[in-house]
Amino acid sequence: MLTVQNLSFSYHHKKIIDHLDLTVHQGDCIGIIGANGCGKSTLLSLIAGAKKADTGTICFDNAAPCFEPQNHLKRIGYVPQENPLIPDLSVRDNLFLWFCGNKRAFRRELENGFLALLNLSDMLSMPVSKLSGGMKKRVSLGIALQNHPALLILDEPSAALDLVCKADIRHYLSVYLASGGTMIITTHEEPELALCNQLFLLKQGLLHQIAPTLRGDALIELIKA
């Protein structure tokens, strides 16, 4: 489904991603862990098309990616770590801004799609500036999921949220995976790692595959080593 080859990216002459390779098959849930500042967010932004790599290729279904917005939104849903919403707009306007379809299709998604699952109907008229952190994360997930992307890319989706919000997000992601979706996620949350069938450590610009069941002190020591 997704093939990343020889990917490199530098920032102020410092190599962040160094000739990195990754293959993702349909239905995979790929977890990426690593120390703070190791480049996890950078890697996801490169795959999502938010940043341009210095070298390397990213191919979907053996074809070079086209980052034209409408095509890209149908293929990839991306939730960055920082809130991407426009605070002065309503929840409805933030969602529709990124929706690939007409108003009738948008209403169907609100009634029967992932937007219905996320229980956003009660907040559609609210400005984003009035939402809590957990509510904003649900809206961000809604933007990423509403076009039913084949690949969902998530950068620490439950960071700084309370236990109820974390559990809700895991439920939404489980439903997405059960529907046949494919996911790449960076996280420090062990319950989210349990969703992953493959786990990688990002270190010195490269991905190192590790046992997907590794947890606790063993995982911490591996990151620190």
C-alpha atoms as a PDB file:
ATOM      1  CA  MET A   1       0.000   0.000   0.000  1.00  0.00           C
ATOM      2  CA  LEU A   2       2.664   2.495   1.098  1.00  0.00           C
ATOM      3  CA  THR A   3       6.359   2.280   0.346  1.00  0.00           C
ATOM      4  CA  VAL A   4       8.882   4.767   1.723  1.00  0.00           C
ATOM      5  CA  GLN A   5      12.395   4.442   0.300  1.00  0.00           C
ATOM      6  CA  ASN A   6      15.635   6.260   1.037  1.00  0.00           C
ATOM      7  CA  LEU A   7      13.824   9.126   2.796  1.00  0.00           C
ATOM      8  CA  SER A   8      16.045  11.897   4.178  1.00  0.00           C
ATOM      9  CA  PHE A   9      15.360  15.268   5.768  1.00  0.00           C
ATOM     10  CA  SER A  10      17.665  17.813   7.395  1.00  0.00           C
ATOM     11  CA  TYR A  11      16.950  20.894   9.477  1.00  0.00           C
ATOM     12  CA  HIS A  12      19.647  23.566   9.832  1.00  0.00           C
ATOM     13  CA  HIS A  13      22.198  21.080   8.463  1.00  0.00           C
ATOM     14  CA  LYS A  14      21.227  18.490  11.083  1.00  0.00           C
ATOM     15  CA  LYS A  15      20.098  15.153   9.659  1.00  0.00           C
ATOM     16  CA  ILE A  16      16.712  14.284  11.191  1.00  0.00           C
ATOM     17  CA  ILE A  17      15.653  11.438   8.874  1.00  0.00           C
ATOM     18  CA  ASP A  18      18.542   9.519   7.312  1.00  0.00           C
ATOM     19  CA  HIS A  19      17.820   7.293   4.278  1.00  0.00           C
ATOM     20  CA  LEU A  20      14.824   5.706   5.984  1.00  0.00           C
ATOM     21  CA  ASP A  21      12.734   2.848   4.536  1.00  0.00           C
ATOM     22  CA  LEU A  22       9.246   1.700   5.539  1.00  0.00           C
ATOM     23  CA  THR A  23       6.656  -0.596   3.973  1.00  0.00           C
ATOM     24  CA  VAL A  24       3.030  -0.511   5.096  1.00  0.00           C
ATOM     25  CA  HIS A  25       0.430  -3.034   3.934  1.00  0.00           C
ATOM     26  CA  GLN A  26      -3.320  -2.523   3.909  1.00  0.00           C
ATOM     27  CA  GLY A  27      -4.765  -3.223   7.337  1.00  0.00           C
ATOM     28  CA  ASP A  28      -1.490  -2.622   9.180  1.00  0.00           C
ATOM     29  CA  CYS A  29      -1.318  -0.528  12.302  1.00  0.00           C
ATOM     30  CA  ILE A  30       2.262   0.727  12.541  1.00  0.00           C
ATOM     31  CA  GLY A  31       3.415   2.145  15.869  1.00  0.00           C
ATOM     32  CA  ILE A  32       6.468   4.414  16.037  1.00  0.00           C
ATOM     33  CA  ILE A  33       8.144   5.211  19.345  1.00  0.00           C
ATOM     34  CA  GLY A  34      11.281   7.124  20.263  1.00  0.00           C
ATOM     35  CA  ALA A  35      12.756   9.750  22.526  1.00  0.00           C
ATOM     36  CA  ASN A  36      11.476  13.319  22.395  1.00  0.00           C
ATOM     37  CA  GLY A  37      13.084  15.175  19.508  1.00  0.00           C
ATOM     38  CA  CYS A  38      14.107  12.057  17.592  1.00  0.00           C
ATOM     39  CA  GLY A  39      12.104  13.050  14.503  1.00  0.00           C
ATOM     40  CA  LYS A  40       8.805  11.179  14.873  1.00  0.00           C
ATOM     41  CA  SER A  41       6.656  14.205  14.057  1.00  0.00           C
ATOM     42  CA  THR A  42       8.918  15.111  11.156  1.00  0.00           C
ATOM     43  CA  LEU A  43       8.618  11.621   9.697  1.00  0.00           C
ATOM     44  CA  LEU A  44       4.825  11.677   9.851  1.00  0.00           C
ATOM     45  CA  SER A  45       4.655  15.132   8.293  1.00  0.00           C
ATOM     46  CA  LEU A  46       6.841  13.916   5.416  1.00  0.00           C
ATOM     47  CA  ILE A  47       4.626  10.889   4.762  1.00  0.00           C
ATOM     48  CA  ALA A  48       1.503  13.067   4.999  1.00  0.00           C
ATOM     49  CA  GLY A  49       2.899  15.613   2.535  1.00  0.00           C
ATOM     50  CA  ALA A  50       3.074  18.495   5.034  1.00  0.00           C
ATOM     51  CA  LYS A  51       6.869  18.644   4.578  1.00  0.00           C
ATOM     52  CA  LYS A  52       9.018  17.882   1.551  1.00  0.00           C
ATOM     53  CA  ALA A  53      11.861  15.405   1.883  1.00  0.00           C
ATOM     54  CA  ASP A  54      15.405  16.211   0.773  1.00  0.00           C
ATOM     55  CA  THR A  55      15.689  12.809  -0.917  1.00  0.00           C
ATOM     56  CA  GLY A  56      13.688   9.624  -1.268  1.00  0.00           C
ATOM     57  CA  THR A  57      10.314   8.473  -2.552  1.00  0.00           C
ATOM     58  CA  ILE A  58       6.882   7.865  -1.042  1.00  0.00           C
ATOM     59  CA  CYS A  59       4.649   5.642  -3.178  1.00  0.00           C
ATOM     60  CA  PHE A  60       1.017   4.642  -2.729  1.00  0.00           C
ATOM     61  CA  ASP A  61      -0.065   1.457  -4.483  1.00  0.00           C
ATOM     62  CA  ASN A  62       3.160   1.527  -6.538  1.00  0.00           C
ATOM     63  CA  ALA A  63       2.398   5.016  -7.886  1.00  0.00           C
ATOM     64  CA  ALA A  64       4.129   8.281  -7.040  1.00  0.00           C
ATOM     65  CA  PRO A  65       1.936  10.339  -4.703  1.00  0.00           C
ATOM     66  CA  CYS A  66       0.003  13.332  -5.933  1.00  0.00           C
ATOM     67  CA  PHE A  67      -0.321  15.964  -3.203  1.00  0.00           C
ATOM     68  CA  GLU A  68      -3.125  17.815  -4.975  1.00  0.00           C
ATOM     69  CA  PRO A  69      -5.447  18.558  -2.023  1.00  0.00           C
ATOM     70  CA  GLN A  70      -8.632  16.768  -3.069  1.00  0.00           C
ATOM     71  CA  ASN A  71      -6.805  13.563  -4.073  1.00  0.00           C
ATOM     72  CA  HIS A  72      -4.597  13.646  -0.994  1.00  0.00           C
ATOM     73  CA  LEU A  73      -7.488  14.113   1.453  1.00  0.00           C
ATOM     74  CA  LYS A  74      -9.261  11.075   0.024  1.00  0.00           C
ATOM     75  CA  ARG A  75      -6.162   8.938   0.481  1.00  0.00           C
ATOM     76  CA  ILE A  76      -4.645  10.160   3.745  1.00  0.00           C
ATOM     77  CA  GLY A  77      -6.108  11.439   6.989  1.00  0.00           C
ATOM     78  CA  TYR A  78      -3.514  13.296   9.068  1.00  0.00           C
ATOM     79  CA  VAL A  79      -3.812  14.460  12.675  1.00  0.00           C
ATOM     80  CA  PRO A  80      -0.689  16.411  13.717  1.00  0.00           C
ATOM     81  CA  GLN A  81       0.253  16.790  17.357  1.00  0.00           C
ATOM     82  CA  GLU A  82      -0.569  20.494  17.376  1.00  0.00           C
ATOM     83  CA  ASN A  83      -4.186  21.574  16.958  1.00  0.00           C
ATOM     84  CA  PRO A  84      -4.752  22.320  13.217  1.00  0.00           C
ATOM     85  CA  LEU A  85      -8.206  23.883  13.636  1.00  0.00           C
ATOM     86  CA  ILE A  86      -9.209  27.476  12.836  1.00  0.00           C
ATOM     87  CA  PRO A  87     -10.389  28.869  16.210  1.00  0.00           C
ATOM     88  CA  ASP A  88     -12.756  31.555  14.900  1.00  0.00           C
ATOM     89  CA  LEU A  89     -14.709  29.136  12.719  1.00  0.00           C
ATOM     90  CA  SER A  90     -17.440  26.823  13.955  1.00  0.00           C
ATOM     91  CA  VAL A  91     -16.935  23.078  14.230  1.00  0.00           C
ATOM     92  CA  ARG A  92     -19.182  22.618  11.187  1.00  0.00           C
ATOM     93  CA  ASP A  93     -17.127  25.057   9.099  1.00  0.00           C
ATOM     94  CA  ASN A  94     -13.833  23.471  10.155  1.00  0.00           C
ATOM     95  CA  LEU A  95     -15.124  20.058   9.124  1.00  0.00           C
ATOM     96  CA  PHE A  96     -16.661  21.156   5.817  1.00  0.00           C
ATOM     97  CA  LEU A  97     -13.524  23.093   4.869  1.00  0.00           C
ATOM     98  CA  TRP A  98     -11.713  19.760   4.447  1.00  0.00           C
ATOM     99  CA  PHE A  99     -14.622  17.622   3.268  1.00  0.00           C
ATOM    100  CA  CYS A 100     -14.366  16.096  -0.216  1.00  0.00           C
ATOM    101  CA  GLY A 101     -17.966  16.284  -1.324  1.00  0.00           C
ATOM    102  CA  ASN A 102     -21.119  18.388  -1.439  1.00  0.00           C
ATOM    103  CA  LYS A 103     -23.386  19.475   1.413  1.00  0.00           C
ATOM    104  CA  ARG A 104     -25.710  16.512   0.955  1.00  0.00           C
ATOM    105  CA  ALA A 105     -22.822  14.058   1.299  1.00  0.00           C
ATOM    106  CA  PHE A 106     -21.596  16.017   4.323  1.00  0.00           C
ATOM    107  CA  ARG A 107     -25.005  15.640   6.001  1.00  0.00           C
ATOM    108  CA  ARG A 108     -24.922  11.879   5.359  1.00  0.00           C
ATOM    109  CA  GLU A 109     -21.486  11.696   6.976  1.00  0.00           C
ATOM    110  CA  LEU A 110     -22.786  13.607  10.010  1.00  0.00           C
ATOM    111  CA  GLU A 111     -25.728  11.216  10.324  1.00  0.00           C
ATOM    112  CA  ASN A 112     -24.155   7.854   9.489  1.00  0.00           C
ATOM    113  CA  GLY A 113     -20.376   8.107   9.048  1.00  0.00           C
ATOM    114  CA  PHE A 114     -17.374   8.581  11.290  1.00  0.00           C
ATOM    115  CA  LEU A 115     -18.631  12.042  12.226  1.00  0.00           C
ATOM    116  CA  ALA A 116     -21.688  10.388  13.779  1.00  0.00           C
ATOM    117  CA  LEU A 117     -19.441   7.991  15.681  1.00  0.00           C
ATOM    118  CA  LEU A 118     -17.499  10.959  17.089  1.00  0.00           C
ATOM    119  CA  ASN A 119     -20.709  12.510  18.509  1.00  0.00           C
ATOM    120  CA  LEU A 120     -20.056  15.952  17.059  1.00  0.00           C
ATOM    121  CA  SER A 121     -23.663  16.941  16.375  1.00  0.00           C
ATOM    122  CA  ASP A 122     -24.117  18.836  19.664  1.00  0.00           C
ATOM    123  CA  MET A 123     -21.114  21.088  19.021  1.00  0.00           C
ATOM    124  CA  LEU A 124     -21.430  21.861  15.311  1.00  0.00           C
ATOM    125  CA  SER A 125     -22.396  25.500  15.861  1.00  0.00           C
ATOM    126  CA  MET A 126     -19.778  26.162  18.526  1.00  0.00           C
ATOM    127  CA  PRO A 127     -16.632  28.125  17.627  1.00  0.00           C
ATOM    128  CA  VAL A 128     -13.520  25.998  18.039  1.00  0.00           C
ATOM    129  CA  SER A 129     -12.110  28.585  20.458  1.00  0.00           C
ATOM    130  CA  LYS A 130     -14.786  27.532  22.980  1.00  0.00           C
ATOM    131  CA  LEU A 131     -13.960  23.811  22.898  1.00  0.00           C
ATOM    132  CA  SER A 132     -12.008  21.803  25.443  1.00  0.00           C
ATOM    133  CA  GLY A 133      -8.830  19.977  24.459  1.00  0.00           C
ATOM    134  CA  GLY A 134     -10.655  16.671  24.168  1.00  0.00           C
ATOM    135  CA  MET A 135     -13.387  18.170  22.017  1.00  0.00           C
ATOM    136  CA  LYS A 136     -10.820  19.754  19.696  1.00  0.00           C
ATOM    137  CA  LYS A 137      -9.113  16.384  19.301  1.00  0.00           C
ATOM    138  CA  ARG A 138     -12.434  14.790  18.331  1.00  0.00           C
ATOM    139  CA  VAL A 139     -12.946  17.475  15.683  1.00  0.00           C
ATOM    140  CA  SER A 140      -9.403  16.940  14.373  1.00  0.00           C
ATOM    141  CA  LEU A 141     -10.096  13.209  14.138  1.00  0.00           C
ATOM    142  CA  GLY A 142     -13.360  14.009  12.374  1.00  0.00           C
ATOM    143  CA  ILE A 143     -11.517  16.034   9.742  1.00  0.00           C
ATOM    144  CA  ALA A 144      -9.077  13.157   9.232  1.00  0.00           C
ATOM    145  CA  LEU A 145     -11.731  10.407   9.108  1.00  0.00           C
ATOM    146  CA  GLN A 146     -14.676  12.062   7.331  1.00  0.00           C
ATOM    147  CA  ASN A 147     -13.325  11.337   3.837  1.00  0.00           C
ATOM    148  CA  HIS A 148     -12.782   7.658   4.733  1.00  0.00           C
ATOM    149  CA  PRO A 149      -9.051   7.684   3.954  1.00  0.00           C
ATOM    150  CA  ALA A 150      -7.187   4.482   3.218  1.00  0.00           C
ATOM    151  CA  LEU A 151      -4.357   5.593   5.535  1.00  0.00           C
ATOM    152  CA  LEU A 152      -4.667   7.431   8.851  1.00  0.00           C
ATOM    153  CA  ILE A 153      -1.557   9.170  10.232  1.00  0.00           C
ATOM    154  CA  LEU A 154      -1.681  10.197  13.894  1.00  0.00           C
ATOM    155  CA  ASP A 155       0.919  12.076  15.909  1.00  0.00           C
ATOM    156  CA  GLU A 156       0.319  11.349  19.623  1.00  0.00           C
ATOM    157  CA  PRO A 157      -3.473  11.629  19.289  1.00  0.00           C
ATOM    158  CA  SER A 158      -4.264  11.381  23.008  1.00  0.00           C
ATOM    159  CA  ALA A 159      -1.409  13.447  24.457  1.00  0.00           C
ATOM    160  CA  ALA A 160      -2.459  15.660  27.395  1.00  0.00           C
ATOM    161  CA  LEU A 161      -6.047  14.307  27.424  1.00  0.00           C
ATOM    162  CA  ASP A 162      -7.880  12.805  30.387  1.00  0.00           C
ATOM    163  CA  LEU A 163      -8.491   9.070  30.783  1.00  0.00           C
ATOM    164  CA  VAL A 164     -12.028   9.199  29.384  1.00  0.00           C
ATOM    165  CA  CYS A 165     -10.882  11.036  26.238  1.00  0.00           C
ATOM    166  CA  LYS A 166      -7.989   8.606  25.778  1.00  0.00           C
ATOM    167  CA  ALA A 167     -10.387   5.654  25.978  1.00  0.00           C
ATOM    168  CA  ASP A 168     -12.777   7.313  23.512  1.00  0.00           C
ATOM    169  CA  ILE A 169      -9.978   7.884  20.995  1.00  0.00           C
ATOM    170  CA  ARG A 170      -8.853   4.253  21.250  1.00  0.00           C
ATOM    171  CA  HIS A 171     -12.436   3.207  20.538  1.00  0.00           C
ATOM    172  CA  TYR A 172     -12.654   5.416  17.428  1.00  0.00           C
ATOM    173  CA  LEU A 173      -9.346   4.077  16.158  1.00  0.00           C
ATOM    174  CA  SER A 174     -10.394   0.487  16.800  1.00  0.00           C
ATOM    175  CA  VAL A 175     -13.537   1.034  14.720  1.00  0.00           C
ATOM    176  CA  TYR A 176     -11.464   2.552  11.906  1.00  0.00           C
ATOM    177  CA  LEU A 177      -9.069  -0.417  11.890  1.00  0.00           C
ATOM    178  CA  ALA A 178     -11.938  -2.905  12.054  1.00  0.00           C
ATOM    179  CA  SER A 179     -13.417  -1.243   8.949  1.00  0.00           C
ATOM    180  CA  GLY A 180     -10.243  -2.146   7.010  1.00  0.00           C
ATOM    181  CA  GLY A 181      -8.288   1.053   7.577  1.00  0.00           C
ATOM    182  CA  THR A 182      -4.514   1.338   7.795  1.00  0.00           C
ATOM    183  CA  MET A 183      -2.764   3.449  10.407  1.00  0.00           C
ATOM    184  CA  ILE A 184       0.615   4.915  11.352  1.00  0.00           C
ATOM    185  CA  ILE A 185       0.728   6.280  14.881  1.00  0.00           C
ATOM    186  CA  THR A 186       3.336   7.801  17.174  1.00  0.00           C
ATOM    187  CA  THR A 187       2.434   7.454  20.822  1.00  0.00           C
ATOM    188  CA  HIS A 188       3.751   7.111  24.346  1.00  0.00           C
ATOM    189  CA  GLU A 189       0.513   5.436  25.472  1.00  0.00           C
ATOM    190  CA  GLU A 190       0.822   1.675  25.981  1.00  0.00           C
ATOM    191  CA  PRO A 191      -2.929   1.025  25.432  1.00  0.00           C
ATOM    192  CA  GLU A 192      -2.559   2.642  21.989  1.00  0.00           C
ATOM    193  CA  LEU A 193       0.479   0.481  21.273  1.00  0.00           C
ATOM    194  CA  ALA A 194      -1.796  -2.523  21.811  1.00  0.00           C
ATOM    195  CA  LEU A 195      -3.586  -1.552  18.569  1.00  0.00           C
ATOM    196  CA  CYS A 196      -0.358  -2.007  16.578  1.00  0.00           C
ATOM    197  CA  ASN A 197       0.641  -5.158  14.728  1.00  0.00           C
ATOM    198  CA  GLN A 198       4.121  -3.727  14.037  1.00  0.00           C
ATOM    199  CA  LEU A 199       6.258  -1.513  16.253  1.00  0.00           C
ATOM    200  CA  PHE A 200       9.326   0.526  15.308  1.00  0.00           C
ATOM    201  CA  LEU A 201      11.881   2.548  17.252  1.00  0.00           C
ATOM    202  CA  LEU A 202      13.020   5.729  15.515  1.00  0.00           C
ATOM    203  CA  LYS A 203      16.635   6.414  16.433  1.00  0.00           C
ATOM    204  CA  GLN A 204      19.382   8.367  14.648  1.00  0.00           C
ATOM    205  CA  GLY A 205      17.112   8.933  11.684  1.00  0.00           C
ATOM    206  CA  LEU A 206      16.296   5.276  11.043  1.00  0.00           C
ATOM    207  CA  LEU A 207      13.485   2.881  11.941  1.00  0.00           C
ATOM    208  CA  HIS A 208      14.370  -0.285  13.861  1.00  0.00           C
ATOM    209  CA  GLN A 209      11.661  -2.931  14.103  1.00  0.00           C
ATOM    210  CA  ILE A 210      11.048  -4.254  17.615  1.00  0.00           C
ATOM    211  CA  ALA A 211       8.658  -6.769  19.164  1.00  0.00           C
ATOM    212  CA  PRO A 212       5.115  -5.314  19.106  1.00  0.00           C
ATOM    213  CA  THR A 213       4.452  -6.785  22.576  1.00  0.00           C
ATOM    214  CA  LEU A 214       7.359  -4.971  24.269  1.00  0.00           C
ATOM    215  CA  ARG A 215       6.120  -2.884  27.198  1.00  0.00           C
ATOM    216  CA  GLY A 216       7.075  -1.297  30.508  1.00  0.00           C
ATOM    217  CA  ASP A 217      10.670  -1.007  31.683  1.00  0.00           C
ATOM    218  CA  ALA A 218      11.971  -3.034  28.729  1.00  0.00           C
ATOM    219  CA  LEU A 219      10.500  -0.500  26.330  1.00  0.00           C
ATOM    220  CA  ILE A 220      11.867   2.429  28.327  1.00  0.00           C
ATOM    221  CA  GLU A 221      15.357   0.947  28.396  1.00  0.00           C
ATOM    222  CA  LEU A 222      15.279   0.377  24.649  1.00  0.00           C
ATOM    223  CA  ILE A 223      14.376   4.028  24.025  1.00  0.00           C
ATOM    224  CA  LYS A 224      17.097   5.216  26.419  1.00  0.00           C
ATOM    225  CA  ALA A 225      19.833   2.960  25.021  1.00  0.00           C
END
